Protein backbone atom coordinates (compact mmCIF):
# COMPACT_ATOMS: atom_id res chain seq x y z
CA MET A 1 9.62 -17.29 96.05
CA LYS A 2 6.26 -17.18 97.81
CA PRO A 3 3.80 -20.01 97.16
CA PHE A 4 1.65 -19.52 94.08
CA GLY A 5 -1.90 -19.00 95.31
CA TRP A 6 -4.85 -20.37 93.36
CA ALA A 7 -8.54 -19.62 93.77
CA LEU A 8 -10.95 -22.23 92.51
CA ILE A 9 -14.38 -21.38 91.09
CA GLY A 10 -16.82 -24.25 90.79
CA PRO A 11 -16.15 -26.90 93.47
CA GLY A 12 -16.99 -30.17 91.76
CA LYS A 13 -15.48 -33.42 90.52
CA ILE A 14 -12.92 -31.92 88.15
CA ALA A 15 -12.02 -29.28 90.71
CA ARG A 16 -11.12 -32.01 93.20
CA ARG A 17 -8.54 -33.38 90.77
CA PHE A 18 -7.08 -29.91 90.37
CA ALA A 19 -6.91 -29.46 94.14
CA GLN A 20 -5.25 -32.84 94.58
CA ALA A 21 -2.55 -31.94 92.06
CA LEU A 22 -1.91 -28.59 93.77
CA SER A 23 -1.51 -30.31 97.13
CA ALA A 24 1.42 -32.35 95.80
CA MET A 25 3.17 -29.47 94.02
CA PRO A 26 5.74 -27.65 96.15
CA GLY A 27 5.31 -23.90 95.90
CA SER A 28 1.64 -24.06 94.91
CA ARG A 29 -1.46 -24.00 97.08
CA LEU A 30 -5.19 -23.57 96.99
CA VAL A 31 -5.99 -20.39 98.93
CA ALA A 32 -9.69 -19.91 98.17
CA VAL A 33 -12.79 -21.76 96.96
CA HIS A 34 -15.73 -19.94 95.42
CA GLY A 35 -19.19 -21.35 94.92
CA ARG A 36 -22.74 -20.07 94.74
CA ASP A 37 -23.71 -22.58 97.44
CA ALA A 38 -21.81 -21.65 100.60
CA GLU A 39 -22.37 -25.02 102.27
CA ARG A 40 -21.15 -26.96 99.27
CA ALA A 41 -18.07 -24.74 98.90
CA ALA A 42 -17.27 -25.09 102.61
CA ALA A 43 -17.65 -28.87 102.43
CA PHE A 44 -15.27 -28.94 99.46
CA ALA A 45 -12.67 -26.87 101.33
CA GLU A 46 -12.95 -29.06 104.41
CA GLN A 47 -12.56 -32.25 102.36
CA CYS A 48 -9.47 -30.84 100.67
CA GLN A 49 -7.90 -30.02 104.01
CA ALA A 50 -8.81 -33.47 105.39
CA GLN A 51 -7.42 -35.38 102.41
CA TRP A 52 -4.48 -33.16 101.55
CA PRO A 53 -3.59 -31.16 104.67
CA ASP A 54 -2.05 -27.74 104.08
CA PRO A 55 0.06 -26.49 107.03
CA ALA A 56 -1.14 -22.97 106.22
CA GLY A 57 -4.73 -24.08 106.75
CA ALA A 58 -7.81 -24.86 104.69
CA PRO A 59 -8.64 -22.64 101.72
CA ARG A 60 -10.95 -19.72 102.45
CA VAL A 61 -14.53 -20.03 101.27
CA SER A 62 -16.31 -17.28 99.37
CA THR A 63 -19.63 -16.66 97.66
CA ASP A 64 -18.60 -13.10 96.76
CA LEU A 65 -16.72 -13.23 93.45
CA ALA A 66 -15.66 -9.58 93.54
CA ALA A 67 -14.11 -10.02 97.00
CA LEU A 68 -12.32 -13.16 95.90
CA LEU A 69 -10.85 -11.40 92.87
CA ALA A 70 -9.68 -8.50 95.04
CA ASP A 71 -7.76 -10.82 97.38
CA PRO A 72 -3.98 -10.19 96.97
CA ALA A 73 -3.27 -13.80 98.03
CA VAL A 74 -4.93 -15.01 94.80
CA ASP A 75 -2.33 -15.15 92.02
CA ALA A 76 -4.59 -16.90 89.52
CA VAL A 77 -8.06 -18.36 89.14
CA TYR A 78 -9.02 -21.87 88.01
CA ILE A 79 -12.59 -22.08 86.66
CA ALA A 80 -14.35 -25.44 86.75
CA THR A 81 -18.03 -24.55 86.46
CA PRO A 82 -20.12 -26.21 83.69
CA HIS A 83 -18.84 -24.86 80.37
CA ALA A 84 -21.93 -22.82 79.51
CA GLN A 85 -21.23 -20.86 82.72
CA HIS A 86 -17.53 -20.16 82.04
CA GLY A 87 -17.91 -16.80 80.34
CA ALA A 88 -19.02 -14.63 83.27
CA PRO A 89 -16.30 -15.62 85.77
CA VAL A 90 -13.61 -15.50 83.07
CA ARG A 91 -14.66 -11.96 82.15
CA ALA A 92 -14.80 -10.91 85.79
CA ALA A 93 -11.34 -12.33 86.53
CA LEU A 94 -9.71 -10.75 83.48
CA ALA A 95 -11.34 -7.40 84.25
CA ALA A 96 -9.95 -7.64 87.79
CA GLY A 97 -6.46 -8.40 86.47
CA LYS A 98 -6.42 -12.01 87.69
CA PRO A 99 -4.86 -14.63 85.37
CA VAL A 100 -7.24 -17.41 84.34
CA LEU A 101 -6.93 -21.14 83.72
CA CYS A 102 -10.39 -22.27 82.55
CA GLU A 103 -11.66 -25.78 81.94
CA LYS A 104 -12.42 -26.85 78.41
CA PRO A 105 -14.21 -25.86 76.38
CA LEU A 106 -13.39 -22.29 77.26
CA VAL A 107 -16.89 -21.30 76.15
CA PRO A 108 -19.49 -23.01 73.92
CA ASN A 109 -18.75 -21.10 70.69
CA ARG A 110 -16.06 -19.15 68.88
CA ALA A 111 -17.79 -15.76 69.01
CA GLU A 112 -17.78 -15.77 72.80
CA GLY A 113 -14.22 -17.12 72.79
CA GLU A 114 -13.06 -14.26 70.58
CA ALA A 115 -14.56 -11.73 73.00
CA LEU A 116 -12.68 -13.27 75.96
CA VAL A 117 -9.41 -13.43 74.04
CA ALA A 118 -9.84 -9.77 73.06
CA LEU A 119 -10.37 -8.86 76.72
CA SER A 120 -7.29 -10.85 77.77
CA ARG A 121 -5.18 -9.00 75.23
CA GLU A 122 -6.71 -5.61 76.01
CA ARG A 123 -6.03 -6.01 79.74
CA GLY A 124 -2.72 -7.84 79.29
CA VAL A 125 -3.90 -10.67 81.55
CA PHE A 126 -3.08 -14.35 81.07
CA LEU A 127 -5.83 -16.64 79.76
CA MET A 128 -5.47 -20.35 78.99
CA GLU A 129 -7.94 -23.11 78.30
CA ALA A 130 -7.19 -26.06 80.59
CA VAL A 131 -6.58 -28.79 78.03
CA TRP A 132 -4.63 -31.10 80.33
CA THR A 133 -4.14 -33.73 77.61
CA ARG A 134 -1.63 -31.50 75.83
CA PHE A 135 0.71 -31.57 78.83
CA LEU A 136 0.76 -35.30 79.59
CA PRO A 137 4.02 -37.28 79.38
CA ALA A 138 2.42 -39.68 76.88
CA TYR A 139 1.92 -36.87 74.40
CA GLU A 140 5.50 -35.70 74.84
CA VAL A 141 6.57 -39.24 73.89
CA LEU A 142 4.13 -39.20 70.99
CA GLY A 143 5.62 -35.97 69.71
CA THR A 144 9.12 -37.43 69.81
CA LEU A 145 8.02 -40.55 67.91
CA LEU A 146 6.27 -38.51 65.23
CA ARG A 147 9.14 -36.04 64.80
CA ASP A 148 11.59 -38.95 64.60
CA GLN A 149 9.47 -40.52 61.85
CA ALA A 150 9.00 -43.72 63.86
CA ILE A 151 6.03 -44.61 61.63
CA GLY A 152 7.08 -42.59 58.60
CA PRO A 153 4.89 -39.81 57.18
CA LEU A 154 1.53 -39.50 58.92
CA ARG A 155 -1.40 -40.63 56.78
CA ALA A 156 -4.49 -40.86 58.99
CA ILE A 157 -5.82 -40.39 62.52
CA GLU A 158 -8.64 -42.32 64.20
CA SER A 159 -10.22 -41.76 67.63
CA THR A 160 -13.28 -42.69 69.67
CA PHE A 161 -14.65 -41.29 72.92
CA CYS A 162 -18.01 -42.71 73.93
CA PHE A 163 -19.80 -43.71 77.09
CA PRO A 164 -23.43 -44.67 77.75
CA ALA A 165 -25.38 -42.07 79.74
CA PRO A 166 -29.08 -42.71 80.45
CA TYR A 167 -31.15 -39.91 78.97
CA ASP A 168 -32.13 -37.34 81.59
CA PRO A 169 -33.39 -33.97 80.33
CA ASN A 170 -32.33 -32.41 83.64
CA SER A 171 -28.72 -33.57 83.32
CA ARG A 172 -26.16 -31.03 82.07
CA LEU A 173 -25.22 -33.60 79.39
CA PHE A 174 -28.63 -33.24 77.74
CA ASP A 175 -29.68 -29.73 78.75
CA PRO A 176 -29.43 -27.19 75.88
CA ALA A 177 -29.24 -24.29 78.36
CA ALA A 178 -26.15 -25.91 79.89
CA GLY A 179 -24.47 -26.39 76.50
CA GLY A 180 -25.09 -30.14 76.61
CA GLY A 181 -24.17 -32.68 73.99
CA ALA A 182 -21.41 -35.13 73.19
CA LEU A 183 -19.23 -32.78 71.16
CA LEU A 184 -18.56 -30.12 73.80
CA ASP A 185 -18.37 -32.64 76.62
CA VAL A 186 -16.06 -35.28 75.13
CA GLY A 187 -15.65 -34.69 71.39
CA ILE A 188 -13.37 -31.75 72.12
CA TYR A 189 -10.78 -34.34 73.17
CA ASN A 190 -10.98 -36.06 69.77
CA LEU A 191 -10.41 -32.76 68.01
CA THR A 192 -7.65 -31.65 70.39
CA ALA A 193 -5.74 -34.91 69.97
CA THR A 194 -6.15 -34.71 66.19
CA ARG A 195 -4.76 -31.19 66.05
CA LEU A 196 -1.92 -32.00 68.44
CA ALA A 197 -0.83 -35.01 66.38
CA LEU A 198 -0.82 -32.89 63.22
CA GLN A 199 1.20 -30.16 64.93
CA GLN A 200 3.70 -32.67 66.29
CA SER A 201 4.08 -34.43 62.95
CA LEU A 202 4.01 -31.47 60.54
CA GLY A 203 4.67 -28.46 62.75
CA HIS A 204 1.22 -27.04 61.96
CA VAL A 205 -2.40 -27.96 61.29
CA PRO A 206 -2.98 -28.03 57.52
CA ALA A 207 -6.00 -26.31 56.05
CA LEU A 208 -9.24 -28.23 56.55
CA ARG A 209 -10.47 -29.14 53.05
CA GLN A 210 -13.25 -31.59 53.91
CA LEU A 211 -15.70 -31.89 56.79
CA ASP A 212 -18.29 -34.67 56.64
CA VAL A 213 -20.51 -35.07 59.68
CA GLN A 214 -23.23 -37.48 60.70
CA GLY A 215 -24.97 -37.67 64.03
CA LEU A 216 -27.98 -38.31 66.16
CA LEU A 217 -29.77 -35.78 68.34
CA ALA A 218 -31.20 -36.42 71.79
CA PRO A 219 -34.89 -35.61 72.42
CA SER A 220 -33.77 -32.30 73.96
CA GLY A 221 -32.07 -31.32 70.69
CA VAL A 222 -28.41 -31.59 71.70
CA ASP A 223 -26.02 -33.94 69.92
CA LEU A 224 -26.21 -37.46 71.32
CA ARG A 225 -23.64 -38.92 68.95
CA VAL A 226 -21.30 -37.36 66.37
CA GLN A 227 -19.20 -39.06 63.72
CA GLY A 228 -16.90 -36.96 61.59
CA LEU A 229 -14.40 -37.22 58.77
CA LEU A 230 -11.89 -34.41 58.38
CA GLY A 231 -9.72 -34.09 55.30
CA PHE A 232 -6.64 -31.86 55.33
CA ALA A 233 -4.50 -30.26 52.67
CA GLY A 234 -1.75 -32.73 51.81
CA GLY A 235 -4.00 -35.79 52.07
CA ILE A 236 -4.08 -36.62 55.78
CA THR A 237 -7.53 -37.65 57.04
CA ALA A 238 -8.95 -37.90 60.55
CA GLN A 239 -12.00 -39.85 61.67
CA PHE A 240 -13.63 -39.47 65.06
CA LEU A 241 -16.65 -40.74 66.94
CA CYS A 242 -17.99 -39.30 70.18
CA GLY A 243 -21.22 -40.20 71.90
CA LEU A 244 -23.30 -40.42 75.03
CA ASP A 245 -25.17 -43.56 73.95
CA ALA A 246 -22.48 -46.14 73.22
CA SER A 247 -19.33 -47.86 74.42
CA ALA A 248 -16.13 -47.72 72.38
CA PRO A 249 -12.41 -48.57 72.60
CA ASN A 250 -11.79 -44.88 73.42
CA ALA A 251 -8.44 -45.11 71.69
CA LEU A 252 -6.38 -42.80 69.49
CA THR A 253 -4.54 -44.40 66.58
CA LEU A 254 -2.10 -42.70 64.23
CA LEU A 255 -1.45 -44.44 60.92
CA GLY A 256 1.81 -43.79 59.11
CA GLU A 257 3.42 -45.10 55.97
CA HIS A 258 5.65 -47.46 57.96
CA GLY A 259 3.61 -48.33 61.01
CA SER A 260 1.16 -47.07 63.62
CA ILE A 261 1.05 -45.65 67.13
CA SER A 262 -1.89 -46.06 69.43
CA LEU A 263 -2.90 -44.73 72.82
CA PRO A 264 -5.15 -47.72 73.42
CA HIS A 265 -7.15 -46.82 76.52
CA HIS A 266 -8.68 -43.47 77.48
CA PHE A 267 -6.45 -41.59 75.06
CA TRP A 268 -7.25 -38.22 76.66
CA GLU A 269 -5.51 -39.31 79.89
CA SER A 270 -3.28 -42.06 78.55
CA GLN A 271 -0.14 -43.26 80.27
CA THR A 272 0.66 -45.92 77.66
CA LEU A 273 1.58 -45.92 73.97
CA VAL A 274 1.92 -48.89 71.62
CA LEU A 275 4.29 -48.51 68.67
CA ARG A 276 3.77 -50.99 65.83
CA PRO A 277 6.46 -50.59 63.15
CA HIS A 278 5.49 -52.40 59.96
CA GLY A 279 6.86 -55.95 59.94
CA GLN A 280 8.34 -55.66 63.45
CA ALA A 281 7.27 -56.58 66.97
CA GLU A 282 5.17 -53.97 68.74
CA GLN A 283 6.68 -51.90 71.52
CA ARG A 284 4.75 -50.85 74.61
CA ILE A 285 5.91 -47.56 76.10
CA GLU A 286 4.87 -46.40 79.57
CA ALA A 287 4.62 -42.67 80.31
CA PRO A 288 3.12 -42.28 83.80
CA TRP A 289 1.82 -39.12 85.40
CA ARG A 290 3.87 -37.62 88.21
CA ILE A 291 0.77 -36.84 90.28
CA ASN A 292 -2.65 -37.21 88.64
CA GLY A 293 -2.15 -35.69 85.20
CA PHE A 294 -3.23 -32.14 86.03
CA GLU A 295 0.24 -31.06 87.13
CA GLY A 296 1.44 -30.27 83.59
CA GLU A 297 -1.18 -27.65 82.79
CA ILE A 298 -0.79 -26.07 86.24
CA GLU A 299 2.99 -25.82 85.85
CA GLU A 300 2.57 -24.33 82.37
CA ALA A 301 0.12 -21.70 83.58
CA GLN A 302 2.26 -20.72 86.57
CA ALA A 303 5.42 -20.46 84.46
CA CYS A 304 3.65 -18.28 81.87
CA ILE A 305 2.10 -16.02 84.51
CA ARG A 306 5.41 -15.54 86.31
CA ALA A 307 7.05 -14.74 82.96
CA GLY A 308 4.43 -12.05 82.26
CA ARG A 309 2.84 -13.87 79.30
CA ILE A 310 -0.81 -13.45 78.40
CA GLU A 311 -1.03 -16.83 76.66
CA SER A 312 0.76 -20.16 76.60
CA PRO A 313 2.97 -21.03 73.62
CA ARG A 314 1.75 -24.63 74.04
CA MET A 315 -1.98 -23.91 74.35
CA GLY A 316 -2.46 -20.47 72.89
CA HIS A 317 -5.50 -18.34 72.18
CA ALA A 318 -5.50 -19.19 68.47
CA GLU A 319 -5.62 -22.91 69.22
CA THR A 320 -8.63 -22.49 71.49
CA LEU A 321 -10.45 -20.39 68.89
CA ASP A 322 -9.67 -22.79 66.05
CA ILE A 323 -11.12 -25.75 67.96
CA LEU A 324 -14.21 -23.72 68.90
CA GLY A 325 -14.58 -22.85 65.22
CA TRP A 326 -14.44 -26.51 64.22
CA MET A 327 -17.08 -27.38 66.81
CA ASP A 328 -19.30 -24.54 65.63
CA ARG A 329 -19.15 -25.92 62.09
CA ILE A 330 -19.87 -29.47 63.22
CA ARG A 331 -22.86 -28.44 65.34
CA ALA A 332 -24.19 -26.34 62.47
CA ARG A 333 -24.09 -29.41 60.20
CA LEU A 334 -26.15 -31.29 62.78
CA GLY A 335 -28.60 -28.43 63.32
CA VAL A 336 -27.66 -27.92 66.97
CA ARG A 337 -27.96 -24.37 68.32
CA TYR A 338 -28.11 -23.46 71.99
CA PRO A 339 -30.79 -21.12 73.37
CA PHE A 340 -28.15 -18.61 74.50
CA GLU A 341 -26.78 -18.28 70.94
CA ALA A 342 -28.09 -15.99 68.22
CA GLY A 343 -30.21 -17.59 65.53
CA PRO A 344 -33.16 -20.01 65.38
CA PRO A 345 -33.86 -22.15 68.45
CA LEU A 346 -33.11 -25.84 68.78
CA ARG A 347 -35.53 -28.01 66.91
């Protein structure tokens, strides 16, 4: 089987992690790098070759997206531009018949997500949001513990994801035109982990019956901090806090009738779980990455593409749209609307 060739759009920090994972995966390679800035894209390609030498040579560099998408050596495209800029390259790739793995969030709102999913289905071309958390060994262990009723029936979920970022109106974190704000940047992890835990415990996400939201807006009008309480049919609740102005444990805790499970540090990339059965000694469980954590989503995408699928059974189109829908509702409660969306401008 010939090596699976990836093109990368958006050479930045996250893209480097993707490239590093590819370099350690037999049968996969980075064949092309696309960026609007030719010098920056070339520097990225050279650094990749220097750090992770490919006997076949450094990836080609392109500023011409149409030419990149016409290259027969490109089997799929990984998109790592800022999320407000995802839509155009995703559409172009799908229209050209190239499978897409796109960083999260796929796009800033559900309406745009629905249009991309419709195009994927119309063209019969694979599309997956790159939610790497869902493919980590720690979450496979978590699923086993929940299905085995290690803490009994699930009752509640708690998570935090915060870090202090000095306010800078020119930073993508605070720029409305870039889709800035805590929710799209980090809060998506809180919601993803919540939904995954529900799916692992119950086999589905129950209907959302309650959504209480509080927050604080930055001077630019994007969400600086968001605190939410979600109530689901059947009585399970989930609380989350995400923010760009605070520090937090950044843990995920699942509370059951007979104990709890926590991913105590950086839950979105965790390699450790702590099981605390009621009345018993806690158990620490290690679940390390094989490479750097990105390998799971890459392997999933490649397997689906080679099987002729247009979506992943583990991170499907409906899941992406449901999370975008939740985030739309949360931002609406806070009064956050981006300038590229229909409706009144940001206040």
